[in-house]
Amino acid sequence: MKAALLLVAISGICTSAMAATVLDSPTRVPVEQYAYSTHLDIAKVVWMSTIPRSCEVVPARIDYIDSKGQEHLLEYQVMGNGCVDG
């Protein structure tokens, strides 16, 4: 049982490290910051970050291809999924 939990923990850490490496790789497109005036031309979504379970505004990213075939990585702010109505 302990070995299974350890394996799950290690695989989660490795997956997170690999995802961070991909996002921070210098060969990737530069991260664009979203503003209300940003024109979004999204033809295909490649990847979206998961929204954490927190009750605060957190950064999120979307990797997409525009109608001209160019890849974009856009960072924007979103409310976390951890708020409870009260």
N, C-alpha and C. Protein backbone atom coordinates (compact mmCIF):
# COMPACT_ATOMS: atom_id res chain seq x y z
N MET A 1 0.82 -1.20 0.00
CA MET A 1 0.00 0.00 0.00
C MET A 1 0.87 1.26 0.00
N LYS A 2 1.90 1.27 0.88
CA LYS A 2 2.78 2.43 0.93
C LYS A 2 3.54 2.60 -0.37
N ALA A 3 3.92 1.48 -0.97
CA ALA A 3 4.66 1.54 -2.23
C ALA A 3 3.78 2.13 -3.34
N ALA A 4 2.51 1.78 -3.35
CA ALA A 4 1.59 2.31 -4.35
C ALA A 4 1.42 3.82 -4.18
N LEU A 5 1.28 4.27 -2.94
CA LEU A 5 1.14 5.71 -2.68
C LEU A 5 2.41 6.46 -3.08
N LEU A 6 3.56 5.87 -2.79
CA LEU A 6 4.83 6.48 -3.16
C LEU A 6 4.95 6.59 -4.68
N LEU A 7 4.54 5.53 -5.38
CA LEU A 7 4.58 5.54 -6.84
C LEU A 7 3.68 6.62 -7.42
N VAL A 8 2.49 6.78 -6.87
CA VAL A 8 1.56 7.81 -7.33
C VAL A 8 2.15 9.20 -7.08
N ALA A 9 2.74 9.40 -5.91
CA ALA A 9 3.33 10.70 -5.59
C ALA A 9 4.49 11.03 -6.52
N ILE A 10 5.35 10.05 -6.78
CA ILE A 10 6.50 10.28 -7.65
C ILE A 10 6.05 10.57 -9.07
N SER A 11 5.05 9.81 -9.57
CA SER A 11 4.59 10.05 -10.94
C SER A 11 3.95 11.42 -11.07
N GLY A 12 3.25 11.88 -10.03
CA GLY A 12 2.67 13.22 -10.05
C GLY A 12 3.72 14.30 -10.10
N ILE A 13 4.79 14.12 -9.33
CA ILE A 13 5.89 15.09 -9.32
C ILE A 13 6.57 15.12 -10.68
N CYS A 14 6.82 13.94 -11.25
CA CYS A 14 7.47 13.87 -12.56
C CYS A 14 6.61 14.51 -13.64
N THR A 15 5.32 14.26 -13.61
CA THR A 15 4.42 14.85 -14.59
C THR A 15 4.42 16.37 -14.48
N SER A 16 4.38 16.89 -13.25
CA SER A 16 4.40 18.34 -13.04
C SER A 16 5.70 18.93 -13.53
N ALA A 17 6.80 18.26 -13.26
CA ALA A 17 8.11 18.75 -13.69
C ALA A 17 8.19 18.77 -15.21
N MET A 18 7.67 17.73 -15.87
CA MET A 18 7.70 17.68 -17.32
C MET A 18 6.83 18.79 -17.91
N ALA A 19 5.67 19.03 -17.33
CA ALA A 19 4.78 20.09 -17.83
C ALA A 19 5.44 21.45 -17.67
N ALA A 20 6.09 21.68 -16.53
CA ALA A 20 6.76 22.96 -16.32
C ALA A 20 7.89 23.14 -17.31
N THR A 21 8.62 22.06 -17.61
CA THR A 21 9.71 22.14 -18.56
C THR A 21 9.20 22.50 -19.94
N VAL A 22 8.10 21.89 -20.35
CA VAL A 22 7.52 22.19 -21.66
C VAL A 22 7.09 23.64 -21.73
N LEU A 23 6.43 24.16 -20.69
CA LEU A 23 5.96 25.54 -20.70
C LEU A 23 7.10 26.54 -20.65
N ASP A 24 8.19 26.20 -19.95
CA ASP A 24 9.29 27.13 -19.78
C ASP A 24 10.39 26.97 -20.82
N SER A 25 10.21 26.05 -21.77
CA SER A 25 11.22 25.77 -22.77
C SER A 25 11.44 26.99 -23.67
N PRO A 26 12.70 27.33 -23.96
CA PRO A 26 12.96 28.49 -24.82
C PRO A 26 12.50 28.28 -26.26
N THR A 27 12.24 27.04 -26.67
CA THR A 27 11.79 26.78 -28.04
C THR A 27 10.30 27.02 -28.19
N ARG A 28 9.59 27.19 -27.09
CA ARG A 28 8.15 27.44 -27.14
C ARG A 28 7.90 28.89 -27.53
N VAL A 29 6.66 29.15 -27.92
CA VAL A 29 6.27 30.52 -28.25
C VAL A 29 6.26 31.35 -26.98
N PRO A 30 6.47 32.66 -27.08
CA PRO A 30 6.46 33.50 -25.88
C PRO A 30 5.06 33.58 -25.27
N VAL A 31 5.02 33.75 -23.97
CA VAL A 31 3.74 33.87 -23.26
C VAL A 31 3.20 35.28 -23.46
N GLU A 32 1.98 35.35 -23.97
CA GLU A 32 1.31 36.64 -24.14
C GLU A 32 0.40 36.86 -22.94
N GLN A 33 0.28 38.10 -22.49
CA GLN A 33 -0.60 38.44 -21.37
C GLN A 33 -1.92 38.94 -21.92
N TYR A 34 -3.01 38.37 -21.44
CA TYR A 34 -4.34 38.78 -21.88
C TYR A 34 -4.72 40.13 -21.31
N ALA A 35 -5.36 40.94 -22.12
CA ALA A 35 -5.97 42.20 -21.70
C ALA A 35 -7.35 42.26 -22.36
N TYR A 36 -8.23 43.08 -21.83
CA TYR A 36 -9.58 43.17 -22.40
C TYR A 36 -9.57 43.54 -23.88
N SER A 37 -8.54 44.24 -24.31
CA SER A 37 -8.46 44.65 -25.71
C SER A 37 -7.83 43.58 -26.61
N THR A 38 -7.41 42.46 -26.04
CA THR A 38 -6.78 41.40 -26.82
C THR A 38 -7.78 40.76 -27.77
N HIS A 39 -7.43 40.73 -29.06
CA HIS A 39 -8.27 40.06 -30.06
C HIS A 39 -7.94 38.57 -30.04
N LEU A 40 -8.92 37.73 -29.76
CA LEU A 40 -8.70 36.29 -29.71
C LEU A 40 -9.14 35.66 -31.03
N ASP A 41 -8.21 35.01 -31.69
CA ASP A 41 -8.47 34.30 -32.95
C ASP A 41 -8.09 32.84 -32.69
N ILE A 42 -9.00 32.09 -32.07
CA ILE A 42 -8.71 30.72 -31.66
C ILE A 42 -9.39 29.76 -32.64
N ALA A 43 -8.57 29.08 -33.44
CA ALA A 43 -9.11 28.09 -34.37
C ALA A 43 -9.08 26.70 -33.74
N LYS A 44 -8.05 26.43 -32.91
CA LYS A 44 -7.93 25.12 -32.27
C LYS A 44 -7.22 25.27 -30.93
N VAL A 45 -7.81 24.71 -29.88
CA VAL A 45 -7.18 24.71 -28.57
C VAL A 45 -6.26 23.50 -28.48
N VAL A 46 -4.99 23.74 -28.15
CA VAL A 46 -4.01 22.67 -28.00
C VAL A 46 -3.98 22.18 -26.57
N TRP A 47 -4.02 23.11 -25.62
CA TRP A 47 -3.89 22.77 -24.20
C TRP A 47 -4.44 23.89 -23.35
N MET A 48 -5.04 23.54 -22.22
CA MET A 48 -5.48 24.53 -21.23
C MET A 48 -5.03 24.07 -19.85
N SER A 49 -4.57 25.01 -19.03
CA SER A 49 -4.17 24.65 -17.68
C SER A 49 -5.41 24.34 -16.84
N THR A 50 -5.22 23.55 -15.81
CA THR A 50 -6.32 23.26 -14.90
C THR A 50 -6.45 24.39 -13.89
N ILE A 51 -7.64 24.65 -13.43
CA ILE A 51 -7.90 25.72 -12.48
C ILE A 51 -7.81 25.12 -11.07
N PRO A 52 -6.97 25.68 -10.21
CA PRO A 52 -6.80 25.10 -8.87
C PRO A 52 -8.02 25.32 -7.97
N ARG A 53 -8.13 24.51 -6.94
CA ARG A 53 -9.22 24.62 -5.98
C ARG A 53 -8.82 25.62 -4.89
N SER A 54 -8.87 26.88 -5.23
CA SER A 54 -8.60 27.95 -4.27
C SER A 54 -9.67 29.02 -4.47
N CYS A 55 -9.85 29.84 -3.48
CA CYS A 55 -10.88 30.88 -3.56
C CYS A 55 -10.20 32.24 -3.73
N GLU A 56 -9.50 32.37 -4.84
CA GLU A 56 -8.81 33.61 -5.17
C GLU A 56 -8.55 33.65 -6.67
N VAL A 57 -8.16 34.79 -7.16
CA VAL A 57 -7.83 34.94 -8.57
C VAL A 57 -6.45 34.31 -8.79
N VAL A 58 -6.37 33.44 -9.81
CA VAL A 58 -5.13 32.72 -10.09
C VAL A 58 -4.82 32.82 -11.59
N PRO A 59 -3.54 32.68 -11.95
CA PRO A 59 -3.20 32.70 -13.38
C PRO A 59 -3.56 31.37 -14.03
N ALA A 60 -3.94 31.44 -15.30
CA ALA A 60 -4.23 30.25 -16.10
C ALA A 60 -3.63 30.48 -17.48
N ARG A 61 -3.42 29.40 -18.22
CA ARG A 61 -2.84 29.51 -19.56
C ARG A 61 -3.63 28.68 -20.55
N ILE A 62 -3.62 29.14 -21.79
CA ILE A 62 -4.20 28.40 -22.90
C ILE A 62 -3.20 28.44 -24.06
N ASP A 63 -2.97 27.30 -24.65
CA ASP A 63 -2.10 27.17 -25.81
C ASP A 63 -3.03 26.89 -26.98
N TYR A 64 -3.00 27.74 -28.01
CA TYR A 64 -3.93 27.58 -29.12
C TYR A 64 -3.29 27.91 -30.46
N ILE A 65 -3.94 27.46 -31.52
CA ILE A 65 -3.54 27.75 -32.89
C ILE A 65 -4.57 28.74 -33.45
N ASP A 66 -4.09 29.81 -34.11
CA ASP A 66 -5.01 30.78 -34.69
C ASP A 66 -5.41 30.37 -36.11
N SER A 67 -6.24 31.16 -36.76
CA SER A 67 -6.74 30.82 -38.09
C SER A 67 -5.65 30.85 -39.17
N LYS A 68 -4.49 31.43 -38.86
CA LYS A 68 -3.37 31.46 -39.80
C LYS A 68 -2.39 30.33 -39.55
N GLY A 69 -2.68 29.48 -38.53
CA GLY A 69 -1.81 28.34 -38.22
C GLY A 69 -0.70 28.66 -37.25
N GLN A 70 -0.69 29.85 -36.66
CA GLN A 70 0.35 30.23 -35.71
C GLN A 70 -0.07 29.82 -34.30
N GLU A 71 0.91 29.37 -33.52
CA GLU A 71 0.65 28.95 -32.15
C GLU A 71 0.81 30.14 -31.20
N HIS A 72 -0.06 30.18 -30.19
CA HIS A 72 -0.01 31.23 -29.17
C HIS A 72 -0.14 30.59 -27.79
N LEU A 73 0.54 31.18 -26.83
CA LEU A 73 0.41 30.77 -25.43
C LEU A 73 -0.03 32.02 -24.66
N LEU A 74 -1.26 31.99 -24.17
CA LEU A 74 -1.88 33.16 -23.55
C LEU A 74 -2.08 32.92 -22.07
N GLU A 75 -1.64 33.86 -21.26
CA GLU A 75 -1.86 33.79 -19.81
C GLU A 75 -2.93 34.79 -19.43
N TYR A 76 -3.86 34.37 -18.58
CA TYR A 76 -4.96 35.22 -18.16
C TYR A 76 -5.28 34.93 -16.71
N GLN A 77 -6.12 35.76 -16.10
CA GLN A 77 -6.50 35.60 -14.70
C GLN A 77 -7.89 35.00 -14.63
N VAL A 78 -8.10 34.08 -13.69
CA VAL A 78 -9.40 33.42 -13.53
C VAL A 78 -9.64 33.17 -12.04
N MET A 79 -10.89 33.10 -11.65
CA MET A 79 -11.23 32.80 -10.26
C MET A 79 -11.06 31.31 -10.03
N GLY A 80 -10.43 30.93 -8.93
CA GLY A 80 -10.21 29.53 -8.60
C GLY A 80 -11.54 28.80 -8.34
N ASN A 81 -11.49 27.47 -8.38
CA ASN A 81 -12.67 26.64 -8.21
C ASN A 81 -12.97 26.26 -6.76
N GLY A 82 -12.31 26.88 -5.80
CA GLY A 82 -12.47 26.44 -4.42
C GLY A 82 -13.41 27.25 -3.57
N CYS A 83 -14.13 28.20 -4.13
CA CYS A 83 -15.04 29.02 -3.34
C CYS A 83 -16.33 28.25 -3.03
N VAL A 84 -16.84 28.44 -1.83
CA VAL A 84 -18.08 27.79 -1.41
C VAL A 84 -19.10 28.88 -1.15
N ASP A 85 -20.29 28.74 -1.75
CA ASP A 85 -21.36 29.71 -1.50
C ASP A 85 -21.77 29.61 -0.04
N GLY A 86 -21.97 30.73 0.58
CA GLY A 86 -22.27 30.63 1.98
C GLY A 86 -23.33 31.51 2.45
